Protein backbone atom coordinates (compact mmCIF):
# COMPACT_ATOMS: atom_id res chain seq x y z
CA MET A 1 56.17 -155.33 3.64
CA GLY A 2 57.50 -158.84 3.50
CA LEU A 3 58.28 -161.67 5.87
CA LEU A 4 61.81 -162.62 6.79
CA TYR A 5 62.32 -166.05 8.29
CA LYS A 6 65.21 -166.45 10.70
CA LYS A 7 66.61 -169.83 11.53
CA GLY A 8 66.00 -170.85 15.09
CA GLU A 9 67.86 -173.26 17.29
CA PRO A 10 67.77 -176.90 16.18
CA GLY A 11 64.48 -178.50 17.14
CA LYS A 12 62.75 -175.14 17.65
CA ASN A 13 60.48 -173.20 15.35
CA CYS A 14 61.80 -170.50 13.07
CA ARG A 15 60.72 -167.02 14.01
CA LYS A 16 59.23 -164.55 11.59
CA GLU A 17 59.92 -160.86 11.41
CA ILE A 18 58.18 -158.31 9.24
CA VAL A 19 60.62 -156.25 7.24
CA SER A 20 60.16 -153.45 4.75
CA MET A 21 60.85 -154.53 1.19
CA SER A 22 61.62 -151.75 -1.27
CA ASP A 23 59.77 -151.85 -4.56
CA GLU A 24 62.59 -149.88 -6.18
CA ARG A 25 64.82 -152.05 -8.36
CA TYR A 26 68.20 -150.96 -9.74
CA ILE A 27 68.55 -152.94 -12.96
CA ILE A 28 70.57 -152.16 -16.06
CA SER A 29 70.62 -153.99 -19.40
CA PHE A 30 73.22 -153.69 -22.15
CA LYS A 31 74.58 -155.47 -25.19
CA ALA A 32 78.16 -156.39 -24.31
CA ALA A 33 81.12 -156.09 -26.69
CA THR A 34 80.92 -159.89 -26.99
CA GLY A 35 77.37 -159.59 -28.38
CA PHE A 36 75.78 -161.05 -25.25
CA HIS A 37 72.77 -159.38 -23.65
CA VAL A 38 73.76 -158.68 -20.03
CA VAL A 39 71.40 -157.72 -17.20
CA LEU A 40 72.78 -156.54 -13.87
CA GLU A 41 70.87 -155.74 -10.70
CA TYR A 42 72.48 -153.50 -8.09
CA PRO A 43 71.62 -152.72 -4.46
CA GLY A 44 71.38 -148.98 -5.01
CA LEU A 45 71.21 -146.12 -7.46
CA GLU A 46 74.82 -144.95 -6.92
CA GLU A 47 76.24 -148.31 -7.97
CA LEU A 48 73.95 -148.51 -10.99
CA GLU A 49 74.80 -144.99 -12.19
CA ALA A 50 78.55 -145.63 -11.87
CA VAL A 51 78.26 -148.79 -13.98
CA GLN A 52 76.00 -147.07 -16.51
CA LYS A 53 78.55 -144.28 -16.94
CA LYS A 54 81.36 -146.79 -17.47
CA ILE A 55 79.33 -148.73 -20.06
CA GLU A 56 78.42 -145.57 -21.98
CA GLU A 57 82.02 -144.31 -21.88
CA ALA A 58 83.00 -147.59 -23.56
CA GLY A 59 80.68 -146.69 -26.45
CA LEU A 60 77.92 -149.16 -25.58
CA THR A 61 74.28 -148.30 -25.02
CA CYS A 62 72.41 -149.42 -21.98
CA GLU A 63 68.91 -149.24 -20.63
CA ARG A 64 67.69 -148.84 -17.06
CA TRP A 65 64.77 -151.06 -16.12
CA LYS A 66 62.52 -149.55 -13.45
CA GLY A 67 61.37 -152.92 -12.14
CA TYR A 68 61.29 -156.63 -12.68
CA SER A 69 60.87 -157.54 -16.31
CA THR A 70 59.92 -160.70 -18.12
CA GLN A 71 62.86 -159.88 -20.42
CA PHE A 72 65.15 -161.47 -17.80
CA ASP A 73 64.67 -164.74 -19.65
CA GLN A 74 66.00 -163.15 -22.85
CA ALA A 75 69.31 -162.21 -21.24
CA ASP A 76 72.39 -164.27 -21.95
CA LEU A 77 73.72 -163.33 -18.52
CA TYR A 78 71.89 -162.07 -15.42
CA MET A 79 73.95 -161.18 -12.36
CA ASP A 80 72.47 -160.11 -9.04
CA MET A 81 75.15 -157.66 -7.94
CA ARG A 82 73.53 -157.48 -4.51
CA SER A 83 75.20 -160.85 -3.88
CA PRO A 84 78.86 -160.99 -2.76
CA GLU A 85 79.32 -164.18 -4.81
CA CYS A 86 78.18 -162.44 -8.02
CA ILE A 87 80.36 -159.42 -7.29
CA ALA A 88 83.39 -161.72 -6.93
CA GLN A 89 82.63 -163.54 -10.20
CA PHE A 90 81.73 -160.61 -12.47
CA ASP A 91 84.23 -158.18 -13.99
CA LEU A 92 82.53 -155.45 -16.03
CA ASP A 93 85.75 -154.71 -17.93
CA ASP A 94 85.57 -158.20 -19.47
CA TRP A 95 82.20 -157.31 -21.04
CA ILE A 96 82.84 -153.77 -22.28
């Protein structure tokens, strides 16, 4: 469980709600055709498996990470594909 803070009205306190936070992470790592080490995190398994299939069909190898890893700092590019901004900026075809 985690705490989610919601913004209140100006001048009033923020309210807190307890929400369930999944421990499951959907993270994939691969060496792109450019030579860069790319790490992508997706909101669900379906999205991750579709991307993994596309990467492998392009002849690249990839690895699924079961959780957070300190190897994030070794990546040349990390994109949180749970974010609409990252989705808009990242095109997998440019990397495979």
